[in-house]
Amino acid sequence: PPLPDDAESILVIAGDLCVIGDAYLRRLQEILSDACD
């Protein structure tokens, strides 16, 4: 869930976010873009 201080925080994704296969690249792009935002 988004928190007010996310912009001043580091997010660590410690593995098994998603299979990095062709069928899942769009959702990876969406999730990582949201995380970087």
Full PDB file with SEQRES, HELIX, SHEET, SSBOND, CRYST1, ORIGX, SCALE, CONECT and MASTER records, all heavy atoms in Angstrom:
SEQRES   1 A   37  PRO PRO LEU PRO ASP ASP ALA GLU SER ILE LEU VAL ILE          
SEQRES   2 A   37  ALA GLY ASP LEU CYS VAL ILE GLY ASP ALA TYR LEU ARG          
SEQRES   3 A   37  ARG LEU GLN GLU ILE LEU SER ASP ALA CYS ASP                  
HELIX    1 AA1 ASP A    6  GLU A    8  5                                   3    
HELIX    2 AA2 ASP A   22  TYR A   24  5                                   3    
HELIX    3 AA3 LEU A   25  CYS A   36  1                                  12    
CRYST1    1.000    1.000    1.000  90.00  90.00  90.00 P 1           1          
ORIGX1      1.000000  0.000000  0.000000        0.00000                         
ORIGX2      0.000000  1.000000  0.000000        0.00000                         
ORIGX3      0.000000  0.000000  1.000000        0.00000                         
SCALE1      1.000000  0.000000  0.000000        0.00000                         
SCALE2      0.000000  1.000000  0.000000        0.00000                         
SCALE3      0.000000  0.000000  1.000000        0.00000                         
ATOM      1  N   PRO A   1       0.827  -1.214   0.000  1.00  0.00           N  
ATOM      2  CA  PRO A   1       0.000   0.000   0.000  1.00  0.00           C  
ATOM      3  C   PRO A   1       0.861   1.264   0.000  1.00  0.00           C  
ATOM      4  O   PRO A   1       1.868   1.337   0.712  1.00  0.00           O  
ATOM      5  CB  PRO A   1      -0.794  -0.123   1.307  1.00  0.00           C  
ATOM      6  CG  PRO A   1      -0.746  -1.572   1.664  1.00  0.00           C  
ATOM      7  CD  PRO A   1       0.573  -2.060   1.170  1.00  0.00           C  
ATOM      8  N   PRO A   2       0.492   2.256  -0.794  1.00  0.00           N  
ATOM      9  CA  PRO A   2       1.227   3.530  -0.785  1.00  0.00           C  
ATOM     10  C   PRO A   2       1.197   4.177   0.597  1.00  0.00           C  
ATOM     11  O   PRO A   2       0.168   4.164   1.280  1.00  0.00           O  
ATOM     12  CB  PRO A   2       0.467   4.375  -1.814  1.00  0.00           C  
ATOM     13  CG  PRO A   2      -0.196   3.383  -2.721  1.00  0.00           C  
ATOM     14  CD  PRO A   2      -0.569   2.232  -1.829  1.00  0.00           C  
ATOM     15  N   LEU A   3       2.337   4.746   0.999  1.00  0.00           N  
ATOM     16  CA  LEU A   3       2.442   5.467   2.262  1.00  0.00           C  
ATOM     17  C   LEU A   3       2.909   6.893   1.989  1.00  0.00           C  
ATOM     18  O   LEU A   3       3.567   7.151   0.974  1.00  0.00           O  
ATOM     19  CB  LEU A   3       3.435   4.764   3.197  1.00  0.00           C  
ATOM     20  CG  LEU A   3       3.072   3.350   3.657  1.00  0.00           C  
ATOM     21  CD1 LEU A   3       4.174   2.787   4.544  1.00  0.00           C  
ATOM     22  CD2 LEU A   3       1.742   3.344   4.400  1.00  0.00           C  
ATOM     23  N   PRO A   4       2.613   7.817   2.873  1.00  0.00           N  
ATOM     24  CA  PRO A   4       2.959   9.221   2.629  1.00  0.00           C  
ATOM     25  C   PRO A   4       4.454   9.477   2.427  1.00  0.00           C  
ATOM     26  O   PRO A   4       4.833  10.404   1.696  1.00  0.00           O  
ATOM     27  CB  PRO A   4       2.445   9.926   3.896  1.00  0.00           C  
ATOM     28  CG  PRO A   4       1.386   9.035   4.425  1.00  0.00           C  
ATOM     29  CD  PRO A   4       1.821   7.647   4.096  1.00  0.00           C  
ATOM     30  N   ASP A   5       5.309   8.679   3.074  1.00  0.00           N  
ATOM     31  CA  ASP A   5       6.746   8.942   2.979  1.00  0.00           C  
ATOM     32  C   ASP A   5       7.457   8.031   1.980  1.00  0.00           C  
ATOM     33  O   ASP A   5       8.683   7.885   2.021  1.00  0.00           O  
ATOM     34  CB  ASP A   5       7.410   8.821   4.352  1.00  0.00           C  
ATOM     35  CG  ASP A   5       7.087   7.520   5.060  1.00  0.00           C  
ATOM     36  OD1 ASP A   5       6.374   6.674   4.462  1.00  0.00           O  
ATOM     37  OD2 ASP A   5       7.530   7.340   6.207  1.00  0.00           O  
ATOM     38  N   ASP A   6       6.728   7.407   1.051  1.00  0.00           N  
ATOM     39  CA  ASP A   6       7.367   6.544   0.055  1.00  0.00           C  
ATOM     40  C   ASP A   6       8.396   7.298  -0.782  1.00  0.00           C  
ATOM     41  O   ASP A   6       9.438   6.740  -1.163  1.00  0.00           O  
ATOM     42  CB  ASP A   6       6.316   5.931  -0.881  1.00  0.00           C  
ATOM     43  CG  ASP A   6       5.608   4.723  -0.261  1.00  0.00           C  
ATOM     44  OD1 ASP A   6       6.085   4.228   0.776  1.00  0.00           O  
ATOM     45  OD2 ASP A   6       4.590   4.283  -0.825  1.00  0.00           O  
ATOM     46  N   ALA A   7       8.135   8.566  -1.064  1.00  0.00           N  
ATOM     47  CA  ALA A   7       9.049   9.344  -1.909  1.00  0.00           C  
ATOM     48  C   ALA A   7      10.417   9.530  -1.255  1.00  0.00           C  
ATOM     49  O   ALA A   7      11.397   9.833  -1.941  1.00  0.00           O  
ATOM     50  CB  ALA A   7       8.434  10.703  -2.239  1.00  0.00           C  
ATOM     51  N   GLU A   8      10.482   9.332   0.054  1.00  0.00           N  
ATOM     52  CA  GLU A   8      11.745   9.463   0.779  1.00  0.00           C  
ATOM     53  C   GLU A   8      12.264   8.104   1.240  1.00  0.00           C  
ATOM     54  O   GLU A   8      13.136   8.024   2.105  1.00  0.00           O  
ATOM     55  CB  GLU A   8      11.546  10.383   1.981  1.00  0.00           C  
ATOM     56  CG  GLU A   8      11.071  11.785   1.591  1.00  0.00           C  
ATOM     57  CD  GLU A   8      10.692  12.628   2.787  1.00  0.00           C  
ATOM     58  OE1 GLU A   8      10.719  12.097   3.913  1.00  0.00           O  
ATOM     59  OE2 GLU A   8      10.362  13.811   2.582  1.00  0.00           O  
ATOM     60  N   SER A   9      11.722   7.033   0.667  1.00  0.00           N  
ATOM     61  CA  SER A   9      12.070   5.673   1.092  1.00  0.00           C  
ATOM     62  C   SER A   9      12.707   4.888  -0.046  1.00  0.00           C  
ATOM     63  O   SER A   9      12.530   5.215  -1.230  1.00  0.00           O  
ATOM     64  CB  SER A   9      10.811   4.939   1.575  1.00  0.00           C  
ATOM     65  OG  SER A   9      10.179   5.631   2.630  1.00  0.00           O  
ATOM     66  N   ILE A  10      13.430   3.838   0.325  1.00  0.00           N  
ATOM     67  CA  ILE A  10      13.982   2.880  -0.626  1.00  0.00           C  
ATOM     68  C   ILE A  10      13.125   1.626  -0.595  1.00  0.00           C  
ATOM     69  O   ILE A  10      12.806   1.116   0.480  1.00  0.00           O  
ATOM     70  CB  ILE A  10      15.440   2.530  -0.281  1.00  0.00           C  
ATOM     71  CG1 ILE A  10      16.339   3.755  -0.469  1.00  0.00           C  
ATOM     72  CG2 ILE A  10      15.951   1.372  -1.142  1.00  0.00           C  
ATOM     73  CD1 ILE A  10      17.781   3.518  -0.046  1.00  0.00           C  
ATOM     74  N   LEU A  11      12.751   1.147  -1.769  1.00  0.00           N  
ATOM     75  CA  LEU A  11      12.015  -0.116  -1.853  1.00  0.00           C  
ATOM     76  C   LEU A  11      12.984  -1.228  -2.221  1.00  0.00           C  
ATOM     77  O   LEU A  11      13.720  -1.133  -3.209  1.00  0.00           O  
ATOM     78  CB  LEU A  11      10.913  -0.039  -2.913  1.00  0.00           C  
ATOM     79  CG  LEU A  11      10.186  -1.363  -3.204  1.00  0.00           C  
ATOM     80  CD1 LEU A  11       9.448  -1.869  -1.968  1.00  0.00           C  
ATOM     81  CD2 LEU A  11       9.238  -1.219  -4.387  1.00  0.00           C  
ATOM     82  N   VAL A  12      12.976  -2.289  -1.421  1.00  0.00           N  
ATOM     83  CA  VAL A  12      13.765  -3.486  -1.721  1.00  0.00           C  
ATOM     84  C   VAL A  12      12.806  -4.591  -2.152  1.00  0.00           C  
ATOM     85  O   VAL A  12      11.918  -4.976  -1.387  1.00  0.00           O  
ATOM     86  CB  VAL A  12      14.581  -3.944  -0.498  1.00  0.00           C  
ATOM     87  CG1 VAL A  12      15.297  -5.261  -0.810  1.00  0.00           C  
ATOM     88  CG2 VAL A  12      15.582  -2.873  -0.092  1.00  0.00           C  
ATOM     89  N   ILE A  13      12.968  -5.073  -3.375  1.00  0.00           N  
ATOM     90  CA  ILE A  13      12.202  -6.217  -3.865  1.00  0.00           C  
ATOM     91  C   ILE A  13      13.147  -7.415  -3.816  1.00  0.00           C  
ATOM     92  O   ILE A  13      14.051  -7.546  -4.632  1.00  0.00           O  
ATOM     93  CB  ILE A  13      11.693  -5.980  -5.298  1.00  0.00           C  
ATOM     94  CG1 ILE A  13      10.880  -4.690  -5.369  1.00  0.00           C  
ATOM     95  CG2 ILE A  13      10.860  -7.177  -5.766  1.00  0.00           C  
ATOM     96  CD1 ILE A  13      10.478  -4.289  -6.780  1.00  0.00           C  
ATOM     97  N   ALA A  14      12.942  -8.283  -2.829  1.00  0.00           N  
ATOM     98  CA  ALA A  14      13.919  -9.338  -2.543  1.00  0.00           C  
ATOM     99  C   ALA A  14      13.575 -10.655  -3.235  1.00  0.00           C  
ATOM    100  O   ALA A  14      13.615 -11.725  -2.638  1.00  0.00           O  
ATOM    101  CB  ALA A  14      14.047  -9.543  -1.039  1.00  0.00           C  
ATOM    102  N   GLY A  15      13.239 -10.571  -4.512  1.00  0.00           N  
ATOM    103  CA  GLY A  15      13.111 -11.782  -5.315  1.00  0.00           C  
ATOM    104  C   GLY A  15      11.706 -12.311  -5.480  1.00  0.00           C  
ATOM    105  O   GLY A  15      10.785 -12.018  -4.713  1.00  0.00           O  
ATOM    106  N   ASP A  16      11.544 -13.123  -6.539  1.00  0.00           N  
ATOM    107  CA  ASP A  16      10.272 -13.760  -6.893  1.00  0.00           C  
ATOM    108  C   ASP A  16       9.158 -12.735  -7.078  1.00  0.00           C  
ATOM    109  O   ASP A  16       8.011 -12.948  -6.660  1.00  0.00           O  
ATOM    110  CB  ASP A  16       9.866 -14.807  -5.851  1.00  0.00           C  
ATOM    111  CG  ASP A  16      10.708 -16.074  -5.955  1.00  0.00           C  
ATOM    112  OD1 ASP A  16      11.626 -16.118  -6.801  1.00  0.00           O  
ATOM    113  OD2 ASP A  16      10.452 -17.023  -5.199  1.00  0.00           O  
ATOM    114  N   LEU A  17       9.487 -11.625  -7.724  1.00  0.00           N  
ATOM    115  CA  LEU A  17       8.458 -10.655  -8.097  1.00  0.00           C  
ATOM    116  C   LEU A  17       7.589 -11.230  -9.205  1.00  0.00           C  
ATOM    117  O   LEU A  17       6.361 -11.170  -9.138  1.00  0.00           O  
ATOM    118  CB  LEU A  17       9.099  -9.350  -8.564  1.00  0.00           C  
ATOM    119  CG  LEU A  17       8.148  -8.281  -9.108  1.00  0.00           C  
ATOM    120  CD1 LEU A  17       7.185  -7.820  -8.016  1.00  0.00           C  
ATOM    121  CD2 LEU A  17       8.938  -7.094  -9.665  1.00  0.00           C  
ATOM    122  N   CYS A  18       8.239 -11.829 -10.220  1.00  0.00           N  
ATOM    123  CA  CYS A  18       7.508 -12.380 -11.352  1.00  0.00           C  
ATOM    124  C   CYS A  18       8.466 -13.146 -12.246  1.00  0.00           C  
ATOM    125  O   CYS A  18       9.661 -12.830 -12.299  1.00  0.00           O  
ATOM    126  CB  CYS A  18       6.863 -11.246 -12.156  1.00  0.00           C  
ATOM    127  SG  CYS A  18       5.739 -11.798 -13.461  1.00  0.00           S  
ATOM    128  N   VAL A  19       7.970 -14.147 -12.915  1.00  0.00           N  
ATOM    129  CA  VAL A  19       8.750 -14.795 -13.962  1.00  0.00           C  
ATOM    130  C   VAL A  19       9.062 -13.748 -15.028  1.00  0.00           C  
ATOM    131  O   VAL A  19       8.172 -13.015 -15.469  1.00  0.00           O  
ATOM    132  CB  VAL A  19       7.956 -15.967 -14.592  1.00  0.00           C  
ATOM    133  CG1 VAL A  19       8.684 -16.508 -15.817  1.00  0.00           C  
ATOM    134  CG2 VAL A  19       7.750 -17.070 -13.567  1.00  0.00           C  
ATOM    135  N   ILE A  20      10.315 -13.663 -15.435  1.00  0.00           N  
ATOM    136  CA  ILE A  20      10.692 -12.675 -16.450  1.00  0.00           C  
ATOM    137  C   ILE A  20      10.610 -13.340 -17.823  1.00  0.00           C  
ATOM    138  O   ILE A  20      11.613 -13.611 -18.483  1.00  0.00           O  
ATOM    139  CB  ILE A  20      12.087 -12.085 -16.168  1.00  0.00           C  
ATOM    140  CG1 ILE A  20      12.126 -11.499 -14.755  1.00  0.00           C  
ATOM    141  CG2 ILE A  20      12.426 -10.993 -17.185  1.00  0.00           C  
ATOM    142  CD1 ILE A  20      13.465 -10.911 -14.349  1.00  0.00           C  
ATOM    143  N   GLY A  21       9.385 -13.652 -18.223  1.00  0.00           N  
ATOM    144  CA  GLY A  21       9.109 -14.265 -19.518  1.00  0.00           C  
ATOM    145  C   GLY A  21       8.290 -13.329 -20.372  1.00  0.00           C  
ATOM    146  O   GLY A  21       7.694 -12.361 -19.880  1.00  0.00           O  
ATOM    147  N   ASP A  22       8.228 -13.603 -21.653  1.00  0.00           N  
ATOM    148  CA  ASP A  22       7.546 -12.707 -22.582  1.00  0.00           C  
ATOM    149  C   ASP A  22       6.101 -12.419 -22.172  1.00  0.00           C  
ATOM    150  O   ASP A  22       5.610 -11.312 -22.362  1.00  0.00           O  
ATOM    151  CB  ASP A  22       7.571 -13.305 -23.995  1.00  0.00           C  
ATOM    152  CG  ASP A  22       8.967 -13.328 -24.592  1.00  0.00           C  
ATOM    153  OD1 ASP A  22       9.840 -12.581 -24.080  1.00  0.00           O  
ATOM    154  OD2 ASP A  22       9.206 -14.090 -25.548  1.00  0.00           O  
ATOM    155  N   ALA A  23       5.420 -13.413 -21.606  1.00  0.00           N  
ATOM    156  CA  ALA A  23       4.010 -13.250 -21.247  1.00  0.00           C  
ATOM    157  C   ALA A  23       3.810 -12.268 -20.097  1.00  0.00           C  
ATOM    158  O   ALA A  23       2.684 -11.793 -19.878  1.00  0.00           O  
ATOM    159  CB  ALA A  23       3.401 -14.600 -20.878  1.00  0.00           C  
ATOM    160  N   TYR A  24       4.879 -11.955 -19.363  1.00  0.00           N  
ATOM    161  CA  TYR A  24       4.739 -11.147 -18.155  1.00  0.00           C  
ATOM    162  C   TYR A  24       5.497  -9.833 -18.222  1.00  0.00           C  
ATOM    163  O   TYR A  24       5.520  -9.091 -17.234  1.00  0.00           O  
ATOM    164  CB  TYR A  24       5.229 -11.944 -16.944  1.00  0.00           C  
ATOM    165  CG  TYR A  24       4.620 -13.317 -16.848  1.00  0.00           C  
ATOM    166  CD1 TYR A  24       5.391 -14.455 -17.057  1.00  0.00           C  
ATOM    167  CD2 TYR A  24       3.265 -13.478 -16.584  1.00  0.00           C  
ATOM    168  CE1 TYR A  24       4.833 -15.720 -16.990  1.00  0.00           C  
ATOM    169  CE2 TYR A  24       2.690 -14.735 -16.511  1.00  0.00           C  
ATOM    170  CZ  TYR A  24       3.483 -15.852 -16.720  1.00  0.00           C  
ATOM    171  OH  TYR A  24       2.921 -17.105 -16.657  1.00  0.00           O  
ATOM    172  N   LEU A  25       6.100  -9.514 -19.355  1.00  0.00           N  
ATOM    173  CA  LEU A  25       6.933  -8.315 -19.422  1.00  0.00           C  
ATOM    174  C   LEU A  25       6.113  -7.039 -19.251  1.00  0.00           C  
ATOM    175  O   LEU A  25       6.573  -6.073 -18.639  1.00  0.00           O  
ATOM    176  CB  LEU A  25       7.702  -8.280 -20.746  1.00  0.00           C  
ATOM    177  CG  LEU A  25       8.784  -9.366 -20.901  1.00  0.00           C  
ATOM    178  CD1 LEU A  25       9.482  -9.223 -22.243  1.00  0.00           C  
ATOM    179  CD2 LEU A  25       9.795  -9.308 -19.758  1.00  0.00           C  
ATOM    180  N   ARG A  26       4.871  -7.027 -19.770  1.00  0.00           N  
ATOM    181  CA  ARG A  26       4.053  -5.823 -19.642  1.00  0.00           C  
ATOM    182  C   ARG A  26       3.725  -5.539 -18.184  1.00  0.00           C  
ATOM    183  O   ARG A  26       3.814  -4.392 -17.727  1.00  0.00           O  
ATOM    184  CB  ARG A  26       2.763  -5.953 -20.453  1.00  0.00           C  
ATOM    185  CG  ARG A  26       1.984  -4.634 -20.512  1.00  0.00           C  
ATOM    186  CD  ARG A  26       0.787  -4.722 -21.434  1.00  0.00           C  
ATOM    187  NE  ARG A  26      -0.333  -5.379 -20.782  1.00  0.00           N  
ATOM    188  CZ  ARG A  26      -1.563  -5.422 -21.301  1.00  0.00           C  
ATOM    189  NH1 ARG A  26      -1.805  -4.898 -22.480  1.00  0.00           N  
ATOM    190  NH2 ARG A  26      -2.549  -6.030 -20.647  1.00  0.00           N  
ATOM    191  N   ARG A  27       3.363  -6.575 -17.438  1.00  0.00           N  
ATOM    192  CA  ARG A  27       3.033  -6.335 -16.028  1.00  0.00           C  
ATOM    193  C   ARG A  27       4.280  -5.974 -15.223  1.00  0.00           C  
ATOM    194  O   ARG A  27       4.194  -5.176 -14.280  1.00  0.00           O  
ATOM    195  CB  ARG A  27       2.284  -7.523 -15.426  1.00  0.00           C  
ATOM    196  CG  ARG A  27       3.034  -8.817 -15.323  1.00  0.00           C  
ATOM    197  CD  ARG A  27       2.158  -9.937 -14.769  1.00  0.00           C  
ATOM    198  NE  ARG A  27       1.045 -10.271 -15.659  1.00  0.00           N  
ATOM    199  CZ  ARG A  27       0.187 -11.268 -15.416  1.00  0.00           C  
ATOM    200  NH1 ARG A  27       0.304 -11.999 -14.319  1.00  0.00           N  
ATOM    201  NH2 ARG A  27      -0.779 -11.533 -16.266  1.00  0.00           N  
ATOM    202  N   LEU A  28       5.437  -6.503 -15.594  1.00  0.00           N  
ATOM    203  CA  LEU A  28       6.681  -6.097 -14.929  1.00  0.00           C  
ATOM    204  C   LEU A  28       6.974  -4.626 -15.187  1.00  0.00           C  
ATOM    205  O   LEU A  28       7.372  -3.888 -14.272  1.00  0.00           O  
ATOM    206  CB  LEU A  28       7.840  -6.961 -15.420  1.00  0.00           C  
ATOM    207  CG  LEU A  28       8.069  -8.276 -14.699  1.00  0.00           C  
ATOM    208  CD1 LEU A  28       9.013  -9.168 -15.504  1.00  0.00           C  
ATOM    209  CD2 LEU A  28       8.628  -8.045 -13.306  1.00  0.00           C  
ATOM    210  N   GLN A  29       6.796  -4.192 -16.433  1.00  0.00           N  
ATOM    211  CA  GLN A  29       6.990  -2.790 -16.773  1.00  0.00           C  
ATOM    212  C   GLN A  29       6.056  -1.900 -15.942  1.00  0.00           C  
ATOM    213  O   GLN A  29       6.477  -0.862 -15.403  1.00  0.00           O  
ATOM    214  CB  GLN A  29       6.745  -2.573 -18.267  1.00  0.00           C  
ATOM    215  CG  GLN A  29       6.710  -1.126 -18.727  1.00  0.00           C  
ATOM    216  CD  GLN A  29       8.047  -0.417 -18.662  1.00  0.00           C  
ATOM    217  OE1 GLN A  29       9.097  -1.048 -18.723  1.00  0.00           O  
ATOM    218  NE2 GLN A  29       8.018   0.906 -18.519  1.00  0.00           N  
ATOM    219  N   GLU A  30       4.816  -2.305 -15.801  1.00  0.00           N  
ATOM    220  CA  GLU A  30       3.832  -1.509 -15.052  1.00  0.00           C  
ATOM    221  C   GLU A  30       4.186  -1.429 -13.571  1.00  0.00           C  
ATOM    222  O   GLU A  30       4.145  -0.347 -12.959  1.00  0.00           O  
ATOM    223  CB  GLU A  30       2.442  -2.118 -15.234  1.00  0.00           C  
ATOM    224  CG  GLU A  30       1.894  -1.971 -16.648  1.00  0.00           C  
ATOM    225  CD  GLU A  30       0.754  -2.931 -16.934  1.00  0.00           C  
ATOM    226  OE1 GLU A  30       0.418  -3.744 -16.042  1.00  0.00           O  
ATOM    227  OE2 GLU A  30       0.206  -2.872 -18.044  1.00  0.00           O  
ATOM    228  N   ILE A  31       4.542  -2.568 -12.995  1.00  0.00           N  
ATOM    229  CA  ILE A  31       4.830  -2.602 -11.559  1.00  0.00           C  
ATOM    230  C   ILE A  31       6.118  -1.842 -11.238  1.00  0.00           C  
ATOM    231  O   ILE A  31       6.168  -1.046 -10.285  1.00  0.00           O  
ATOM    232  CB  ILE A  31       4.937  -4.063 -11.070  1.00  0.00           C  
ATOM    233  CG1 ILE A  31       3.585  -4.755 -11.159  1.00  0.00           C  
ATOM    234  CG2 ILE A  31       5.489  -4.124  -9.654  1.00  0.00           C  
ATOM    235  CD1 ILE A  31       2.479  -4.069 -10.403  1.00  0.00           C  
ATOM    236  N   LEU A  32       7.157  -2.062 -12.006  1.00  0.00           N  
ATOM    237  CA  LEU A  32       8.422  -1.383 -11.735  1.00  0.00           C  
ATOM    238  C   LEU A  32       8.320   0.109 -12.017  1.00  0.00           C  
ATOM    239  O   LEU A  32       8.963   0.919 -11.338  1.00  0.00           O  
ATOM    240  CB  LEU A  32       9.541  -2.017 -12.554  1.00  0.00           C  
ATOM    241  CG  LEU A  32       9.902  -3.455 -12.146  1.00  0.00           C  
ATOM    242  CD1 LEU A  32      10.909  -4.057 -13.119  1.00  0.00           C  
ATOM    243  CD2 LEU A  32      10.455  -3.496 -10.719  1.00  0.00           C  
ATOM    244  N   SER A  33       7.519   0.494 -12.998  1.00  0.00           N  
ATOM    245  CA  SER A  33       7.292   1.920 -13.262  1.00  0.00           C  
ATOM    246  C   SER A  33       6.579   2.568 -12.079  1.00  0.00           C  
ATOM    247  O   SER A  33       6.938   3.670 -11.641  1.00  0.00           O  
ATOM    248  CB  SER A  33       6.469   2.106 -14.536  1.00  0.00           C  
ATOM    249  OG  SER A  33       7.188   1.674 -15.670  1.00  0.00           O  
ATOM    250  N   ASP A  34       5.563   1.883 -11.552  1.00  0.00           N  
ATOM    251  CA  ASP A  34       4.854   2.405 -10.382  1.00  0.00           C  
ATOM    252  C   ASP A  34       5.809   2.522  -9.195  1.00  0.00           C  
ATOM    253  O   ASP A  34       5.777   3.526  -8.469  1.00  0.00           O  
ATOM    254  CB  ASP A  34       3.693   1.474 -10.027  1.00  0.00           C  
ATOM    255  CG  ASP A  34       2.943   1.933  -8.794  1.00  0.00           C  
ATOM    256  OD1 ASP A  34       2.102   2.842  -8.915  1.00  0.00           O  
ATOM    257  OD2 ASP A  34       3.214   1.392  -7.691  1.00  0.00           O  
ATOM    258  N   ALA A  35       6.658   1.516  -9.003  1.00  0.00           N  
ATOM    259  CA  ALA A  35       7.603   1.547  -7.884  1.00  0.00           C  
ATOM    260  C   ALA A  35       8.572   2.719  -8.022  1.00  0.00           C  
ATOM    261  O   ALA A  35       8.852   3.429  -7.043  1.00  0.00           O  
ATOM    262  CB  ALA A  35       8.369   0.225  -7.818  1.00  0.00           C  
ATOM    263  N   CYS A  36       9.069   2.949  -9.225  1.00  0.00           N  
ATOM    264  CA  CYS A  36      10.019   4.050  -9.434  1.00  0.00           C  
ATOM    265  C   CYS A  36       9.344   5.406  -9.289  1.00  0.00           C  
ATOM    266  O   CYS A  36       9.973   6.381  -8.865  1.00  0.00           O  
ATOM    267  CB  CYS A  36      10.679   3.921 -10.799  1.00  0.00           C  
ATOM    268  SG  CYS A  36      11.860   2.546 -10.919  1.00  0.00           S  
ATOM    269  N   ASP A  37       8.066   5.492  -9.630  1.00  0.00           N  
ATOM    270  CA  ASP A  37       7.319   6.736  -9.435  1.00  0.00           C  
ATOM    271  C   ASP A  37       7.121   7.028  -7.957  1.00  0.00           C  
ATOM    272  O   ASP A  37       7.117   8.203  -7.542  1.00  0.00           O  
ATOM    273  CB  ASP A  37       5.946   6.656 -10.118  1.00  0.00           C  
ATOM    274  CG  ASP A  37       6.030   6.741 -11.627  1.00  0.00           C  
ATOM    275  OD1 ASP A  37       7.081   7.176 -12.142  1.00  0.00           O  
ATOM    276  OD2 ASP A  37       5.052   6.343 -12.292  1.00  0.00           O  
TER     277      ASP A  37                                                      
MASTER        0    0    0    3    0    0    0    6  276    1    0    3          
END                                                                             
